[in-house]
Amino acid sequence: MGNSESQWKRSYDLSHTRRETQQAVAAMGSWRAAMLGRAEPDEAGSDIDIEH
């Protein structure tokens, strides 16, 4: 360990936020594709069963 609180925030929080944002955008795109019938739910990466 040995990292100060400010070092921890700089190295972890920023990358965590960026990664979460990228995952959210990808999930919204997958959901939209599944809703529009452009992809099967499994291909869209959704865990929700969508009935066609």
PDB file of N, CA and C in Angstrom:
ATOM      1  N   MET A   1       0.841  -1.154   0.000  1.00  0.00           N
ATOM      2  CA  MET A   1       0.000   0.000   0.000  1.00  0.00           C
ATOM      3  C   MET A   1       0.899   1.232   0.000  1.00  0.00           C
ATOM      4  N   GLY A   2       0.891   2.021   1.046  1.00  0.00           N
ATOM      5  CA  GLY A   2       1.765   3.166   1.125  1.00  0.00           C
ATOM      6  C   GLY A   2       1.323   4.360   0.304  1.00  0.00           C
ATOM      7  N   ASN A   3       0.178   4.281  -0.364  1.00  0.00           N
ATOM      8  CA  ASN A   3      -0.300   5.412  -1.147  1.00  0.00           C
ATOM      9  C   ASN A   3      -1.132   6.340  -0.283  1.00  0.00           C
ATOM     10  N   SER A   4      -0.960   7.626  -0.519  1.00  0.00           N
ATOM     11  CA  SER A   4      -1.776   8.599   0.201  1.00  0.00           C
ATOM     12  C   SER A   4      -3.193   8.578  -0.372  1.00  0.00           C
ATOM     13  N   GLU A   5      -4.109   9.208   0.333  1.00  0.00           N
ATOM     14  CA  GLU A   5      -5.499   9.260  -0.128  1.00  0.00           C
ATOM     15  C   GLU A   5      -5.598   9.963  -1.480  1.00  0.00           C
ATOM     16  N   SER A   6      -4.843  11.040  -1.666  1.00  0.00           N
ATOM     17  CA  SER A   6      -4.913  11.758  -2.949  1.00  0.00           C
ATOM     18  C   SER A   6      -4.359  10.910  -4.094  1.00  0.00           C
ATOM     19  N   GLN A   7      -3.298  10.137  -3.832  1.00  0.00           N
ATOM     20  CA  GLN A   7      -2.770   9.244  -4.869  1.00  0.00           C
ATOM     21  C   GLN A   7      -3.797   8.171  -5.226  1.00  0.00           C
ATOM     22  N   TRP A   8      -4.474   7.649  -4.217  1.00  0.00           N
ATOM     23  CA  TRP A   8      -5.495   6.628  -4.449  1.00  0.00           C
ATOM     24  C   TRP A   8      -6.619   7.182  -5.319  1.00  0.00           C
ATOM     25  N   LYS A   9      -7.080   8.384  -4.986  1.00  0.00           N
ATOM     26  CA  LYS A   9      -8.169   8.993  -5.753  1.00  0.00           C
ATOM     27  C   LYS A   9      -7.752   9.252  -7.196  1.00  0.00           C
ATOM     28  N   ARG A  10      -6.532   9.731  -7.404  1.00  0.00           N
ATOM     29  CA  ARG A  10      -6.067  10.012  -8.768  1.00  0.00           C
ATOM     30  C   ARG A  10      -5.953   8.735  -9.596  1.00  0.00           C
ATOM     31  N   SER A  11      -5.434   7.686  -9.018  1.00  0.00           N
ATOM     32  CA  SER A  11      -5.186   6.476  -9.804  1.00  0.00           C
ATOM     33  C   SER A  11      -6.398   5.568  -9.924  1.00  0.00           C
ATOM     34  N   TYR A  12      -7.267   5.534  -8.928  1.00  0.00           N
ATOM     35  CA  TYR A  12      -8.386   4.591  -8.968  1.00  0.00           C
ATOM     36  C   TYR A  12      -9.688   5.237  -9.401  1.00  0.00           C
ATOM     37  N   ASP A  13     -10.112   6.290  -8.746  1.00  0.00           N
ATOM     38  CA  ASP A  13     -11.438   6.841  -8.990  1.00  0.00           C
ATOM     39  C   ASP A  13     -11.632   7.292 -10.435  1.00  0.00           C
ATOM     40  N   LEU A  14     -10.626   7.922 -11.019  1.00  0.00           N
ATOM     41  CA  LEU A  14     -10.786   8.416 -12.384  1.00  0.00           C
ATOM     42  C   LEU A  14     -10.933   7.270 -13.379  1.00  0.00           C
ATOM     43  N   SER A  15     -10.123   6.247 -13.267  1.00  0.00           N
ATOM     44  CA  SER A  15     -10.235   5.130 -14.206  1.00  0.00           C
ATOM     45  C   SER A  15     -11.524   4.347 -13.965  1.00  0.00           C
ATOM     46  N   HIS A  16     -11.948   4.247 -12.704  1.00  0.00           N
ATOM     47  CA  HIS A  16     -13.188   3.545 -12.385  1.00  0.00           C
ATOM     48  C   HIS A  16     -14.368   4.273 -13.017  1.00  0.00           C
ATOM     49  N   THR A  17     -14.406   5.586 -12.905  1.00  0.00           N
ATOM     50  CA  THR A  17     -15.501   6.366 -13.480  1.00  0.00           C
ATOM     51  C   THR A  17     -15.515   6.229 -14.999  1.00  0.00           C
ATOM     52  N   ARG A  18     -14.358   6.309 -15.630  1.00  0.00           N
ATOM     53  CA  ARG A  18     -14.273   6.188 -17.087  1.00  0.00           C
ATOM     54  C   ARG A  18     -14.738   4.804 -17.537  1.00  0.00           C
ATOM     55  N   ARG A  19     -14.324   3.762 -16.821  1.00  0.00           N
ATOM     56  CA  ARG A  19     -14.714   2.393 -17.171  1.00  0.00           C
ATOM     57  C   ARG A  19     -16.222   2.207 -16.997  1.00  0.00           C
ATOM     58  N   GLU A  20     -16.775   2.725 -15.904  1.00  0.00           N
ATOM     59  CA  GLU A  20     -18.226   2.614 -15.689  1.00  0.00           C
ATOM     60  C   GLU A  20     -18.996   3.341 -16.775  1.00  0.00           C
ATOM     61  N   THR A  21     -18.510   4.498 -17.192  1.00  0.00           N
ATOM     62  CA  THR A  21     -19.175   5.257 -18.249  1.00  0.00           C
ATOM     63  C   THR A  21     -19.160   4.480 -19.556  1.00  0.00           C
ATOM     64  N   GLN A  22     -18.020   3.896 -19.910  1.00  0.00           N
ATOM     65  CA  GLN A  22     -17.927   3.107 -21.135  1.00  0.00           C
ATOM     66  C   GLN A  22     -18.864   1.908 -21.088  1.00  0.00           C
ATOM     67  N   GLN A  23     -18.954   1.256 -19.931  1.00  0.00           N
ATOM     68  CA  GLN A  23     -19.841   0.098 -19.794  1.00  0.00           C
ATOM     69  C   GLN A  23     -21.299   0.518 -19.912  1.00  0.00           C
ATOM     70  N   ALA A  24     -21.649   1.678 -19.350  1.00  0.00           N
ATOM     71  CA  ALA A  24     -23.025   2.159 -19.428  1.00  0.00           C
ATOM     72  C   ALA A  24     -23.408   2.481 -20.869  1.00  0.00           C
ATOM     73  N   VAL A  25     -22.507   3.126 -21.604  1.00  0.00           N
ATOM     74  CA  VAL A  25     -22.780   3.454 -23.004  1.00  0.00           C
ATOM     75  C   VAL A  25     -22.936   2.177 -23.831  1.00  0.00           C
ATOM     76  N   ALA A  26     -22.072   1.201 -23.603  1.00  0.00           N
ATOM     77  CA  ALA A  26     -22.164  -0.072 -24.326  1.00  0.00           C
ATOM     78  C   ALA A  26     -23.469  -0.785 -23.996  1.00  0.00           C
ATOM     79  N   ALA A  27     -23.875  -0.753 -22.735  1.00  0.00           N
ATOM     80  CA  ALA A  27     -25.118  -1.408 -22.326  1.00  0.00           C
ATOM     81  C   ALA A  27     -26.327  -0.730 -22.963  1.00  0.00           C
ATOM     82  N   MET A  28     -26.323   0.605 -23.028  1.00  0.00           N
ATOM     83  CA  MET A  28     -27.436   1.319 -23.660  1.00  0.00           C
ATOM     84  C   MET A  28     -27.519   0.985 -25.145  1.00  0.00           C
ATOM     85  N   GLY A  29     -26.365   0.889 -25.803  1.00  0.00           N
ATOM     86  CA  GLY A  29     -26.350   0.525 -27.218  1.00  0.00           C
ATOM     87  C   GLY A  29     -26.872  -0.878 -27.446  1.00  0.00           C
ATOM     88  N   SER A  30     -26.494  -1.798 -26.577  1.00  0.00           N
ATOM     89  CA  SER A  30     -26.966  -3.182 -26.684  1.00  0.00           C
ATOM     90  C   SER A  30     -28.465  -3.260 -26.457  1.00  0.00           C
ATOM     91  N   TRP A  31     -28.947  -2.530 -25.462  1.00  0.00           N
ATOM     92  CA  TRP A  31     -30.379  -2.524 -25.152  1.00  0.00           C
ATOM     93  C   TRP A  31     -31.161  -1.951 -26.327  1.00  0.00           C
ATOM     94  N   ARG A  32     -30.664  -0.853 -26.900  1.00  0.00           N
ATOM     95  CA  ARG A  32     -31.349  -0.219 -28.023  1.00  0.00           C
ATOM     96  C   ARG A  32     -31.396  -1.163 -29.224  1.00  0.00           C
ATOM     97  N   ALA A  33     -30.282  -1.815 -29.519  1.00  0.00           N
ATOM     98  CA  ALA A  33     -30.247  -2.752 -30.645  1.00  0.00           C
ATOM     99  C   ALA A  33     -31.233  -3.891 -30.429  1.00  0.00           C
ATOM    100  N   ALA A  34     -31.313  -4.397 -29.220  1.00  0.00           N
ATOM    101  CA  ALA A  34     -32.242  -5.489 -28.921  1.00  0.00           C
ATOM    102  C   ALA A  34     -33.688  -5.020 -29.038  1.00  0.00           C
ATOM    103  N   MET A  35     -33.972  -3.822 -28.571  1.00  0.00           N
ATOM    104  CA  MET A  35     -35.337  -3.300 -28.637  1.00  0.00           C
ATOM    105  C   MET A  35     -35.778  -3.050 -30.081  1.00  0.00           C
ATOM    106  N   LEU A  36     -34.843  -2.653 -30.920  1.00  0.00           N
ATOM    107  CA  LEU A  36     -35.175  -2.376 -32.314  1.00  0.00           C
ATOM    108  C   LEU A  36     -35.137  -3.630 -33.179  1.00  0.00           C
ATOM    109  N   GLY A  37     -34.816  -4.760 -32.571  1.00  0.00           N
ATOM    110  CA  GLY A  37     -34.802  -6.016 -33.289  1.00  0.00           C
ATOM    111  C   GLY A  37     -33.602  -6.199 -34.191  1.00  0.00           C
ATOM    112  N   ARG A  38     -32.550  -5.431 -33.949  1.00  0.00           N
ATOM    113  CA  ARG A  38     -31.357  -5.536 -34.791  1.00  0.00           C
ATOM    114  C   ARG A  38     -30.427  -6.642 -34.334  1.00  0.00           C
ATOM    115  N   ALA A  39     -30.655  -7.149 -33.140  1.00  0.00           N
ATOM    116  CA  ALA A  39     -29.796  -8.215 -32.620  1.00  0.00           C
ATOM    117  C   ALA A  39     -30.623  -9.086 -31.696  1.00  0.00           C
ATOM    118  N   GLU A  40     -30.229 -10.321 -31.608  1.00  0.00           N
ATOM    119  CA  GLU A  40     -30.854 -11.203 -30.634  1.00  0.00           C
ATOM    120  C   GLU A  40     -30.381 -10.780 -29.246  1.00  0.00           C
ATOM    121  N   PRO A  41     -31.187 -10.998 -28.214  1.00  0.00           N
ATOM    122  CA  PRO A  41     -30.788 -10.581 -26.861  1.00  0.00           C
ATOM    123  C   PRO A  41     -29.425 -11.113 -26.438  1.00  0.00           C
ATOM    124  N   ASP A  42     -29.119 -12.381 -26.772  1.00  0.00           N
ATOM    125  CA  ASP A  42     -27.820 -12.939 -26.394  1.00  0.00           C
ATOM    126  C   ASP A  42     -26.674 -12.213 -27.089  1.00  0.00           C
ATOM    127  N   GLU A  43     -26.881 -11.853 -28.356  1.00  0.00           N
ATOM    128  CA  GLU A  43     -25.847 -11.140 -29.097  1.00  0.00           C
ATOM    129  C   GLU A  43     -25.677  -9.725 -28.582  1.00  0.00           C
ATOM    130  N   ALA A  44     -26.742  -9.161 -28.032  1.00  0.00           N
ATOM    131  CA  ALA A  44     -26.685  -7.795 -27.528  1.00  0.00           C
ATOM    132  C   ALA A  44     -26.051  -7.735 -26.150  1.00  0.00           C
ATOM    133  N   GLY A  45     -25.824  -8.880 -25.530  1.00  0.00           N
ATOM    134  CA  GLY A  45     -25.183  -8.894 -24.225  1.00  0.00           C
ATOM    135  C   GLY A  45     -26.132  -8.608 -23.087  1.00  0.00           C
ATOM    136  N   SER A  46     -27.423  -8.792 -23.313  1.00  0.00           N
ATOM    137  CA  SER A  46     -28.409  -8.509 -22.276  1.00  0.00           C
ATOM    138  C   SER A  46     -28.736  -9.772 -21.493  1.00  0.00           C
ATOM    139  N   ASP A  47     -28.897  -9.615 -20.199  1.00  0.00           N
ATOM    140  CA  ASP A  47     -29.300 -10.738 -19.357  1.00  0.00           C
ATOM    141  C   ASP A  47     -30.816 -10.832 -19.245  1.00  0.00           C
ATOM    142  N   ILE A  48     -31.528  -9.882 -19.822  1.00  0.00           N
ATOM    143  CA  ILE A  48     -32.979  -9.846 -19.732  1.00  0.00           C
ATOM    144  C   ILE A  48     -33.555 -10.593 -20.934  1.00  0.00           C
ATOM    145  N   ASP A  49     -34.483 -11.501 -20.674  1.00  0.00           N
ATOM    146  CA  ASP A  49     -35.134 -12.220 -21.764  1.00  0.00           C
ATOM    147  C   ASP A  49     -36.100 -11.282 -22.468  1.00  0.00           C
ATOM    148  N   ILE A  50     -35.976 -11.195 -23.775  1.00  0.00           N
ATOM    149  CA  ILE A  50     -36.854 -10.344 -24.571  1.00  0.00           C
ATOM    150  C   ILE A  50     -37.667 -11.246 -25.479  1.00  0.00           C
ATOM    151  N   GLU A  51     -38.987 -11.163 -25.352  1.00  0.00           N
ATOM    152  CA  GLU A  51     -39.862 -11.986 -26.178  1.00  0.00           C
ATOM    153  C   GLU A  51     -40.148 -11.258 -27.475  1.00  0.00           C
ATOM    154  N   HIS A  52     -40.010 -11.973 -28.598  1.00  0.00           N
ATOM    155  CA  HIS A  52     -40.270 -11.374 -29.911  1.00  0.00           C
ATOM    156  C   HIS A  52     -41.649 -11.740 -30.366  1.00  0.00           C
TER     157      HIS A  52
END
